[in-house]
Amino acid sequence: MATNKKIFVLDTNVLIHDPTAPLRFGRHDVVLPIAVLEELDAAKVGVSEVARNVREVSRILDGLIEHSDADISQGVTLPSVDGAAGGRLYFYSQAVKSALPEGLARNSCDNTLLGITLDLSKTHCDSEVTLISKDINLRIKAHALNIRAEDYTNNQVLDDTELLYTGMTEFDSKFWDKLDRVNQEKESADAYTIPAMHVNAYYPNQFLYPVENNAPTFMVRHCADGAVLEVIKDHTQAPNSVWGIHARNREQNFALNLLVSPEIDFVTLLGQAGTGKTLLTLASALAQTLEEKRYTEIVMTRATLPVGEDIGFLPGTEEEKMGPWMGALEDNLDVLHETGRHDHGAWGRAVTHEFIRNRIHIKSLSFMRGRTFLRKFIIIDEAQNLSPHQVKTLITRAGPGSKIVCLGNIAQIDTPYLTATTSGLTYAVDRFKGWAHSGHVTLQRGERSRLADYASEML
């Protein structure tokens, strides 16, 4: 191995989490122990996301070896990065020589990785050798043995979730005065031209709300000539309700403007439980599917991760198997059914719970690959539990005329090895914020009940 380079030993879970991980260490060297390859081989069979990722890892490694012009024992050249020569990939097949403390099982892959990292540290004193693992307990054991270990953060979207785009910002009277001067001839218009100095300061479909109450609330619309501020529709008023639901706070109003806009194909909504993410999305989906006929049906899916003990395999069809995971859907449909009875719209007086339910199709993530949805309103619930790769797989299922809405709370991630900064939902919010046909809102205020609000704050 070359000197003056860092050496990274990769754990199996890193490759499962990101199949392209070996390519993401720049000019530094990467080591894959044979024990890791054996674990990958044991997990390659099946239709699960883990099995798919393992097979992708195998294809990447096979491609690297196939294009290598040297003996594999001397390492495989990794692709160059930004014009600089890439590092080398080594397959470590030697037995562990360093003695680990008594009590650590010798047939454990985790302990083998610790021993290999320790061996490399001794034989490559001029290089910094680091074990990379998503396993917190393994990293703790490494630190206890004075072995350098780190989490895999190369696919981390942000350093801190406090930096995550919220979809809205406030403006003060000074900004309004400048805007008013630029638009003196449009005082009663529904759209205002943004002063040139402020055009690049905002993302498409970002909401601007006034600190004071003497100015309207806007949505930024980018166009060929620059950008304009469009006065948004006030869904807090009953005449502007959507399927009998009206916004109860500012953020809900923003969300409904995104959800009902035909110009926006992709929406992300973040917020804690009780902020109304699912209810607002279902209401807008029903209104646009049954009343406006913009979409032919509603498709809903989510990651099936139990919060408590797993109850095992479930009988029935795909939709029946997904039933226990869709309690939130049924709860919100009950609310919408009640509001529909009092809705004076033509459809609102006639709909029944069964009719509404039959227009909503529940799909499993396991069978979404390869599908193309035409003119569908697609809802991805609990999206915080999806990896960036899974989110990409789902979003690319959208065909012409479809709309996708991702809902989630990054403070409630149940997937092993995912964090708020590496979640697929965080990834989607950050990557889509600059696209003219997407929008995002972080809902901040709970509207479920005073008991739920107090519990969220105090417990």
Protein backbone atom coordinates (compact mmCIF):
# COMPACT_ATOMS: atom_id res chain seq x y z
CA MET A 1 0.00 0.00 0.00
CA ALA A 2 1.20 3.49 -0.84
CA THR A 3 2.57 5.69 1.91
CA ASN A 4 1.14 9.07 2.95
CA LYS A 5 -2.34 7.78 2.37
CA LYS A 6 -5.09 6.94 4.76
CA ILE A 7 -6.32 3.35 4.87
CA PHE A 8 -10.00 2.59 5.44
CA VAL A 9 -11.23 -0.89 6.46
CA LEU A 10 -14.92 -1.26 5.48
CA ASP A 11 -17.50 -3.19 7.47
CA THR A 12 -20.23 -5.18 5.69
CA ASN A 13 -23.02 -2.84 6.80
CA VAL A 14 -21.30 0.09 5.06
CA LEU A 15 -21.50 -1.69 1.71
CA ILE A 16 -25.11 -2.69 2.29
CA HIS A 17 -25.98 0.88 3.22
CA ASP A 18 -24.17 2.33 0.18
CA PRO A 19 -23.04 -0.12 -2.53
CA THR A 20 -20.81 2.57 -4.04
CA ALA A 21 -18.91 3.09 -0.77
CA PRO A 22 -15.56 1.69 -2.07
CA LEU A 23 -15.53 4.47 -4.69
CA ARG A 24 -16.05 7.33 -2.22
CA PHE A 25 -12.71 7.63 -0.44
CA GLY A 26 -10.87 9.80 -2.96
CA ARG A 27 -7.12 9.17 -3.23
CA HIS A 28 -7.03 6.98 -0.11
CA ASP A 29 -6.81 3.18 0.03
CA VAL A 30 -9.72 0.90 0.87
CA VAL A 31 -9.48 -2.58 2.43
CA LEU A 32 -12.19 -5.25 2.12
CA PRO A 33 -11.49 -8.27 4.36
CA ILE A 34 -12.43 -11.68 3.03
CA ALA A 35 -14.73 -12.07 6.04
CA VAL A 36 -16.78 -9.15 4.70
CA LEU A 37 -17.03 -10.76 1.27
CA GLU A 38 -18.29 -13.96 2.94
CA GLU A 39 -21.00 -12.02 4.77
CA LEU A 40 -22.01 -10.36 1.52
CA ASP A 41 -22.18 -13.74 -0.21
CA ALA A 42 -24.50 -15.04 2.50
CA ALA A 43 -26.89 -12.11 2.04
CA LYS A 44 -27.07 -11.97 -1.77
CA VAL A 45 -30.15 -14.20 -2.25
CA GLY A 46 -33.66 -12.78 -2.06
CA VAL A 47 -35.81 -9.84 -3.16
CA SER A 48 -35.17 -7.61 -0.17
CA GLU A 49 -33.43 -4.24 -0.46
CA VAL A 50 -30.44 -5.70 1.42
CA ALA A 51 -30.08 -8.52 -1.12
CA ARG A 52 -30.35 -6.07 -4.02
CA ASN A 53 -27.68 -3.82 -2.53
CA VAL A 54 -25.37 -6.79 -1.96
CA ARG A 55 -25.72 -7.84 -5.60
CA GLU A 56 -24.98 -4.26 -6.64
CA VAL A 57 -21.80 -4.33 -4.53
CA SER A 58 -20.76 -7.55 -6.26
CA ARG A 59 -21.29 -6.00 -9.70
CA ILE A 60 -19.25 -2.92 -8.76
CA LEU A 61 -16.37 -5.03 -7.40
CA ASP A 62 -16.46 -7.31 -10.44
CA GLY A 63 -16.26 -4.27 -12.75
CA LEU A 64 -13.27 -2.88 -10.86
CA ILE A 65 -11.43 -6.20 -11.03
CA GLU A 66 -12.26 -6.71 -14.71
CA HIS A 67 -10.73 -3.35 -15.66
CA SER A 68 -7.69 -3.76 -13.43
CA ASP A 69 -4.36 -3.97 -15.25
CA ALA A 70 -2.40 -5.40 -12.32
CA ASP A 71 -2.27 -8.46 -10.11
CA ILE A 72 -5.27 -8.29 -7.77
CA SER A 73 -2.98 -9.05 -4.82
CA GLN A 74 -1.33 -5.68 -5.48
CA GLY A 75 -4.63 -3.88 -5.21
CA VAL A 76 -7.22 -2.68 -7.70
CA THR A 77 -7.05 0.90 -8.95
CA LEU A 78 -10.07 2.98 -7.94
CA PRO A 79 -11.50 5.68 -10.27
CA SER A 80 -9.84 9.09 -10.21
CA VAL A 81 -11.51 11.91 -8.32
CA ASP A 82 -11.50 15.52 -9.62
CA GLY A 83 -8.53 14.77 -11.86
CA ALA A 84 -6.43 13.33 -9.03
CA ALA A 85 -5.40 9.68 -9.03
CA GLY A 86 -7.70 7.46 -6.98
CA GLY A 87 -6.57 5.10 -4.28
CA ARG A 88 -6.41 1.33 -4.44
CA LEU A 89 -8.78 -1.36 -3.26
CA TYR A 90 -7.22 -4.30 -1.41
CA PHE A 91 -8.83 -7.63 -0.55
CA TYR A 92 -7.33 -8.66 2.80
CA SER A 93 -7.03 -12.43 3.09
CA GLN A 94 -4.33 -12.84 5.75
CA ALA A 95 -5.06 -14.35 9.13
CA VAL A 96 -5.32 -11.96 12.08
CA LYS A 97 -1.98 -11.76 13.90
CA SER A 98 -2.67 -9.26 16.66
CA ALA A 99 -3.87 -10.70 19.92
CA LEU A 100 -7.28 -9.41 20.98
CA PRO A 101 -8.37 -9.41 24.64
CA GLU A 102 -9.63 -12.65 26.16
CA GLY A 103 -13.37 -13.11 25.86
CA LEU A 104 -13.69 -11.81 22.30
CA ALA A 105 -14.92 -14.62 20.04
CA ARG A 106 -12.41 -15.49 17.32
CA ASN A 107 -15.15 -16.58 14.88
CA SER A 108 -16.91 -13.21 14.96
CA CYS A 109 -16.65 -11.07 11.82
CA ASP A 110 -16.73 -7.91 13.95
CA ASN A 111 -13.74 -9.07 16.00
CA THR A 112 -11.94 -10.12 12.82
CA LEU A 113 -12.32 -6.56 11.54
CA LEU A 114 -10.88 -5.23 14.80
CA GLY A 115 -7.88 -7.55 14.47
CA ILE A 116 -7.29 -6.63 10.82
CA THR A 117 -7.43 -2.91 11.59
CA LEU A 118 -4.96 -3.43 14.44
CA ASP A 119 -2.61 -5.45 12.18
CA LEU A 120 -2.67 -2.79 9.46
CA SER A 121 -1.95 -0.08 12.02
CA LYS A 122 1.20 -1.93 13.06
CA THR A 123 2.43 -2.76 9.56
CA HIS A 124 1.66 0.70 8.12
CA CYS A 125 2.87 3.04 10.83
CA ASP A 126 3.11 5.95 8.39
CA SER A 127 -0.58 5.72 7.46
CA GLU A 128 -3.72 6.45 9.43
CA VAL A 129 -5.76 3.23 9.52
CA THR A 130 -9.48 3.59 10.30
CA LEU A 131 -12.29 1.06 10.63
CA ILE A 132 -15.47 2.37 8.96
CA SER A 133 -18.70 0.88 10.31
CA LYS A 134 -22.36 1.79 10.76
CA ASP A 135 -22.44 -0.48 13.83
CA ILE A 136 -22.28 1.74 16.93
CA ASN A 137 -21.35 -1.14 19.26
CA LEU A 138 -18.46 -2.18 17.04
CA ARG A 139 -17.15 1.38 17.02
CA ILE A 140 -17.40 1.49 20.82
CA LYS A 141 -15.42 -1.78 21.09
CA ALA A 142 -12.82 -0.34 18.73
CA HIS A 143 -12.44 2.80 20.83
CA ALA A 144 -12.12 0.67 23.96
CA LEU A 145 -9.22 -1.20 22.29
CA ASN A 146 -7.63 2.09 21.14
CA ILE A 147 -8.46 1.32 17.50
CA ARG A 148 -9.50 4.22 15.30
CA ALA A 149 -13.11 3.80 14.10
CA GLU A 150 -15.61 6.13 12.44
CA ASP A 151 -19.15 6.13 11.11
CA TYR A 152 -19.66 6.16 7.34
CA THR A 153 -20.70 9.73 6.50
CA ASN A 154 -19.79 10.06 2.82
CA ASN A 155 -23.50 10.00 1.90
CA GLN A 156 -24.45 12.41 4.66
CA VAL A 157 -26.55 15.19 3.16
CA LEU A 158 -25.99 17.76 5.92
CA ASP A 159 -23.76 18.14 8.94
CA ASP A 160 -26.71 19.22 11.06
CA THR A 161 -30.48 18.89 10.49
CA GLU A 162 -30.84 22.46 11.75
CA LEU A 163 -29.47 23.45 8.33
CA LEU A 164 -32.20 21.54 6.46
CA TYR A 165 -34.33 23.63 4.13
CA THR A 166 -37.72 24.47 5.68
CA GLY A 167 -39.43 25.78 2.56
CA MET A 168 -40.28 29.18 4.04
CA THR A 169 -38.75 32.37 5.34
CA GLU A 170 -40.04 35.63 6.74
CA PHE A 171 -39.57 39.14 5.42
CA ASP A 172 -39.79 42.51 7.16
CA SER A 173 -41.24 45.87 6.27
CA LYS A 174 -38.03 47.00 4.53
CA PHE A 175 -38.27 44.18 2.00
CA TRP A 176 -41.99 44.93 1.49
CA ASP A 177 -41.23 48.62 0.87
CA LYS A 178 -38.65 47.71 -1.80
CA LEU A 179 -41.07 45.25 -3.37
CA ASP A 180 -43.85 47.82 -3.32
CA ARG A 181 -41.66 50.45 -5.02
CA VAL A 182 -40.69 48.04 -7.80
CA ASN A 183 -44.35 47.15 -8.33
CA GLN A 184 -46.05 50.53 -7.90
CA GLU A 185 -48.19 49.96 -10.95
CA LYS A 186 -49.30 46.50 -9.72
CA GLU A 187 -50.62 47.23 -6.26
CA SER A 188 -53.72 45.11 -6.80
CA ALA A 189 -52.02 42.35 -8.77
CA ASP A 190 -51.72 38.73 -7.64
CA ALA A 191 -48.01 38.59 -8.52
CA TYR A 192 -45.10 40.93 -7.79
CA THR A 193 -41.76 41.15 -9.53
CA ILE A 194 -38.87 40.36 -7.19
CA PRO A 195 -36.18 43.06 -7.07
CA ALA A 196 -33.16 41.84 -9.07
CA MET A 197 -30.93 41.87 -6.00
CA HIS A 198 -33.17 39.28 -4.30
CA VAL A 199 -33.88 36.83 -7.16
CA ASN A 200 -31.08 34.37 -6.32
CA ALA A 201 -31.80 34.52 -2.59
CA TYR A 202 -34.83 32.24 -2.82
CA TYR A 203 -35.61 28.75 -4.07
CA PRO A 204 -38.48 27.96 -6.44
CA ASN A 205 -41.83 27.60 -4.64
CA GLN A 206 -40.39 28.89 -1.38
CA PHE A 207 -42.89 30.72 0.83
CA LEU A 208 -42.30 34.25 2.10
CA TYR A 209 -44.45 35.44 4.99
CA PRO A 210 -44.45 38.88 6.64
CA VAL A 211 -43.23 39.58 10.14
CA GLU A 212 -46.02 42.12 10.41
CA ASN A 213 -49.58 41.43 9.28
CA ASN A 214 -49.83 44.33 6.83
CA ALA A 215 -48.52 42.39 3.83
CA PRO A 216 -49.65 39.29 1.95
CA THR A 217 -47.92 35.89 1.96
CA PHE A 218 -46.12 34.86 -1.22
CA MET A 219 -44.78 31.88 -3.08
CA VAL A 220 -41.64 32.36 -5.19
CA ARG A 221 -42.20 31.42 -8.82
CA HIS A 222 -39.13 31.21 -11.07
CA CYS A 223 -39.63 31.98 -14.73
CA ALA A 224 -37.57 32.69 -17.84
CA ASP A 225 -37.29 36.41 -17.04
CA GLY A 226 -36.30 35.92 -13.38
CA ALA A 227 -38.77 35.38 -10.59
CA VAL A 228 -42.05 36.72 -9.28
CA LEU A 229 -43.81 36.58 -5.93
CA GLU A 230 -47.24 35.05 -6.30
CA VAL A 231 -49.84 35.76 -3.63
CA ILE A 232 -50.90 32.36 -2.28
CA LYS A 233 -54.44 31.15 -1.75
CA ASP A 234 -55.71 31.38 1.80
CA HIS A 235 -56.83 27.87 2.74
CA THR A 236 -57.46 28.89 6.36
CA GLN A 237 -60.86 30.20 5.26
CA ALA A 238 -63.76 27.77 4.91
CA PRO A 239 -64.62 28.80 1.31
CA ASN A 240 -61.14 27.64 0.28
CA SER A 241 -61.28 24.31 2.11
CA VAL A 242 -60.04 21.17 0.38
CA TRP A 243 -62.39 18.19 0.71
CA GLY A 244 -63.87 19.85 3.78
CA ILE A 245 -60.45 20.44 5.37
CA HIS A 246 -59.07 23.94 5.92
CA ALA A 247 -55.63 24.93 7.18
CA ARG A 248 -55.36 25.60 10.90
CA ASN A 249 -52.02 27.37 10.83
CA ARG A 250 -49.56 29.05 8.48
CA GLU A 251 -47.54 25.95 7.62
CA GLN A 252 -50.65 23.91 6.82
CA ASN A 253 -51.75 26.69 4.49
CA PHE A 254 -48.38 26.50 2.72
CA ALA A 255 -48.67 22.71 2.44
CA LEU A 256 -52.13 22.85 0.87
CA ASN A 257 -50.94 25.38 -1.70
CA LEU A 258 -48.23 22.92 -2.76
CA LEU A 259 -50.46 19.86 -2.66
CA VAL A 260 -53.20 21.30 -4.91
CA SER A 261 -50.90 23.05 -7.41
CA PRO A 262 -50.90 21.34 -10.83
CA GLU A 263 -47.47 22.88 -11.52
CA ILE A 264 -45.80 20.97 -8.69
CA ASP A 265 -45.02 17.29 -9.25
CA PHE A 266 -43.07 16.51 -6.08
CA VAL A 267 -43.83 17.59 -2.50
CA THR A 268 -42.05 16.78 0.75
CA LEU A 269 -43.68 17.42 4.12
CA LEU A 270 -41.75 17.12 7.38
CA GLY A 271 -43.22 17.39 10.84
CA GLN A 272 -43.83 15.61 14.10
CA ALA A 273 -46.88 13.44 14.72
CA GLY A 274 -50.12 15.40 14.75
CA THR A 275 -49.08 18.24 12.45
CA GLY A 276 -51.56 17.10 9.79
CA LYS A 277 -49.23 15.74 7.10
CA THR A 278 -51.34 12.71 6.19
CA LEU A 279 -54.73 14.39 6.57
CA LEU A 280 -53.84 17.35 4.34
CA THR A 281 -52.29 15.06 1.73
CA LEU A 282 -55.26 12.69 1.61
CA ALA A 283 -57.75 15.57 1.43
CA SER A 284 -55.93 17.14 -1.52
CA ALA A 285 -55.52 13.73 -3.18
CA LEU A 286 -59.25 12.98 -2.94
CA ALA A 287 -60.23 16.43 -4.18
CA GLN A 288 -57.97 16.17 -7.23
CA THR A 289 -58.85 12.54 -7.96
CA LEU A 290 -62.63 12.52 -7.41
CA GLU A 291 -63.64 16.12 -8.05
CA GLU A 292 -61.13 17.52 -10.54
CA LYS A 293 -60.31 14.14 -12.18
CA ARG A 294 -56.67 15.25 -12.44
CA TYR A 295 -55.49 11.81 -11.26
CA THR A 296 -57.04 8.42 -11.88
CA GLU A 297 -56.31 6.95 -8.44
CA ILE A 298 -54.35 7.34 -5.23
CA VAL A 299 -51.41 5.02 -4.51
CA MET A 300 -50.04 4.82 -0.97
CA THR A 301 -46.97 3.00 0.29
CA ARG A 302 -44.61 3.04 3.27
CA ALA A 303 -41.72 1.17 4.83
CA THR A 304 -43.00 -1.76 6.91
CA LEU A 305 -40.91 -1.44 10.06
CA PRO A 306 -42.45 -2.48 13.39
CA VAL A 307 -42.04 -0.19 16.39
CA GLY A 308 -42.32 -3.06 18.87
CA GLU A 309 -41.93 -6.82 18.38
CA ASP A 310 -42.45 -8.16 14.89
CA ILE A 311 -45.74 -10.11 14.64
CA GLY A 312 -44.46 -12.35 11.86
CA PHE A 313 -45.88 -13.07 8.41
CA LEU A 314 -49.35 -11.82 7.62
CA PRO A 315 -51.98 -13.64 5.53
CA GLY A 316 -53.90 -12.32 2.55
CA THR A 317 -53.28 -10.27 -0.56
CA GLU A 318 -50.64 -7.55 -0.90
CA GLU A 319 -53.13 -4.90 0.24
CA GLU A 320 -54.34 -7.05 3.15
CA LYS A 321 -50.76 -7.66 4.28
CA MET A 322 -50.16 -3.89 4.24
CA GLY A 323 -53.34 -3.24 6.24
CA PRO A 324 -51.76 -3.27 9.73
CA TRP A 325 -49.22 -0.66 8.58
CA MET A 326 -51.89 1.68 7.30
CA GLY A 327 -53.69 2.58 10.52
CA ALA A 328 -52.99 6.26 9.90
CA LEU A 329 -54.72 5.99 6.51
CA GLU A 330 -57.89 4.53 8.00
CA ASP A 331 -57.93 7.08 10.85
CA ASN A 332 -57.66 9.99 8.45
CA LEU A 333 -60.23 8.53 6.08
CA ASP A 334 -62.70 8.48 8.96
CA VAL A 335 -62.10 12.20 9.49
CA LEU A 336 -62.44 12.97 5.78
CA HIS A 337 -65.61 10.90 5.53
CA GLU A 338 -67.20 12.96 8.29
CA THR A 339 -66.20 16.26 6.67
CA GLY A 340 -67.46 14.99 3.32
CA ARG A 341 -70.98 14.58 4.72
CA HIS A 342 -71.18 18.30 5.40
CA ASP A 343 -69.42 19.40 2.24
CA HIS A 344 -71.83 21.17 -0.10
CA GLY A 345 -69.86 20.09 -3.16
CA ALA A 346 -71.52 17.73 -5.63
CA TRP A 347 -69.22 14.87 -4.75
CA GLY A 348 -69.17 15.62 -1.03
CA ARG A 349 -72.87 14.89 -0.64
CA ALA A 350 -72.72 11.58 -2.47
CA VAL A 351 -69.53 9.86 -1.42
CA THR A 352 -69.44 6.93 0.96
CA HIS A 353 -66.53 5.53 2.93
CA GLU A 354 -66.34 2.43 0.73
CA PHE A 355 -66.34 4.43 -2.47
CA ILE A 356 -63.49 6.62 -1.23
CA ARG A 357 -61.56 3.62 0.05
CA ASN A 358 -61.82 1.84 -3.27
CA ARG A 359 -60.02 4.69 -5.02
CA ILE A 360 -56.99 4.29 -2.75
CA HIS A 361 -54.59 1.46 -3.55
CA ILE A 362 -52.02 0.33 -1.01
CA LYS A 363 -48.76 -0.98 -2.45
CA SER A 364 -45.78 -2.65 -0.82
CA LEU A 365 -42.31 -1.19 -1.34
CA SER A 366 -41.15 -4.70 -2.23
CA PHE A 367 -43.12 -4.64 -5.49
CA MET A 368 -42.58 -1.03 -6.59
CA ARG A 369 -39.39 -1.68 -8.58
CA GLY A 370 -40.05 -1.74 -12.32
CA ARG A 371 -43.49 -0.10 -12.05
CA THR A 372 -44.53 3.07 -13.90
CA PHE A 373 -47.48 5.05 -12.53
CA LEU A 374 -49.45 7.17 -15.01
CA ARG A 375 -51.65 10.01 -13.70
CA LYS A 376 -51.47 8.74 -10.14
CA PHE A 377 -51.31 10.65 -6.86
CA ILE A 378 -48.58 8.73 -5.00
CA ILE A 379 -48.16 9.09 -1.24
CA ILE A 380 -45.00 7.75 0.43
CA ASP A 381 -45.62 7.69 4.16
CA GLU A 382 -42.93 7.31 6.87
CA ALA A 383 -40.32 8.24 4.24
CA GLN A 384 -37.75 8.98 6.95
CA ASN A 385 -37.16 5.22 7.18
CA LEU A 386 -36.05 4.97 3.55
CA SER A 387 -32.48 5.16 2.31
CA PRO A 388 -31.53 7.62 -0.45
CA HIS A 389 -31.36 4.68 -2.86
CA GLN A 390 -34.91 3.56 -1.96
CA VAL A 391 -36.25 7.10 -2.31
CA LYS A 392 -34.68 7.35 -5.77
CA THR A 393 -36.24 4.01 -6.74
CA LEU A 394 -39.70 5.21 -5.70
CA ILE A 395 -39.56 8.68 -7.22
CA THR A 396 -38.40 7.33 -10.57
CA ARG A 397 -41.60 5.25 -10.75
CA ALA A 398 -43.59 8.40 -11.60
CA GLY A 399 -44.91 8.53 -15.14
CA PRO A 400 -46.49 11.44 -17.03
CA GLY A 401 -49.19 13.29 -15.08
CA SER A 402 -48.28 11.78 -11.68
CA LYS A 403 -47.57 13.57 -8.42
CA ILE A 404 -45.50 12.21 -5.52
CA VAL A 405 -45.77 13.36 -1.92
CA CYS A 406 -43.22 12.20 0.68
CA LEU A 407 -44.25 12.44 4.34
CA GLY A 408 -42.15 11.84 7.43
CA ASN A 409 -40.59 12.87 10.70
CA ILE A 410 -36.78 12.61 10.73
CA ALA A 411 -36.87 12.59 14.54
CA GLN A 412 -38.52 9.13 14.41
CA ILE A 413 -36.22 6.91 12.33
CA ASP A 414 -36.62 3.18 13.01
CA THR A 415 -34.26 1.84 10.33
CA PRO A 416 -30.88 0.54 11.55
CA TYR A 417 -27.88 2.55 10.32
CA LEU A 418 -29.99 5.51 9.12
CA THR A 419 -29.80 8.88 10.84
CA ALA A 420 -31.53 12.22 10.37
CA THR A 421 -28.64 13.42 8.20
CA THR A 422 -28.48 10.28 6.00
CA SER A 423 -32.22 9.55 5.66
CA GLY A 424 -33.63 9.37 2.16
CA LEU A 425 -36.24 11.98 3.13
CA THR A 426 -33.52 14.47 4.10
CA TYR A 427 -31.78 13.60 0.83
CA ALA A 428 -34.93 14.32 -1.19
CA VAL A 429 -35.62 17.65 0.55
CA ASP A 430 -32.09 18.88 -0.08
CA ARG A 431 -31.74 17.66 -3.67
CA PHE A 432 -35.13 18.90 -4.91
CA LYS A 433 -35.19 22.35 -3.31
CA GLY A 434 -33.88 24.03 -6.46
CA TRP A 435 -36.32 22.40 -8.92
CA ALA A 436 -39.15 24.54 -10.28
CA HIS A 437 -41.71 21.70 -10.01
CA SER A 438 -41.14 20.70 -6.41
CA GLY A 439 -41.92 22.19 -3.02
CA HIS A 440 -41.26 21.55 0.65
CA VAL A 441 -42.73 22.63 3.98
CA THR A 442 -41.67 21.74 7.51
CA LEU A 443 -44.84 21.65 9.63
CA GLN A 444 -44.12 22.91 13.12
CA ARG A 445 -47.36 23.06 15.06
CA GLY A 446 -49.33 20.02 16.18
CA GLU A 447 -53.08 20.09 15.63
CA ARG A 448 -54.10 16.65 16.91
CA SER A 449 -55.15 17.54 20.46
CA ARG A 450 -53.87 19.47 23.46
CA LEU A 451 -52.94 16.14 25.09
CA ALA A 452 -50.88 15.03 22.06
CA ASP A 453 -49.21 18.45 21.81
CA TYR A 454 -48.26 18.42 25.49
CA ALA A 455 -46.96 14.84 25.29
CA SER A 456 -44.82 15.67 22.23
CA GLU A 457 -43.27 18.57 24.07
CA MET A 458 -42.80 17.09 27.55
CA LEU A 459 -42.17 13.36 27.04
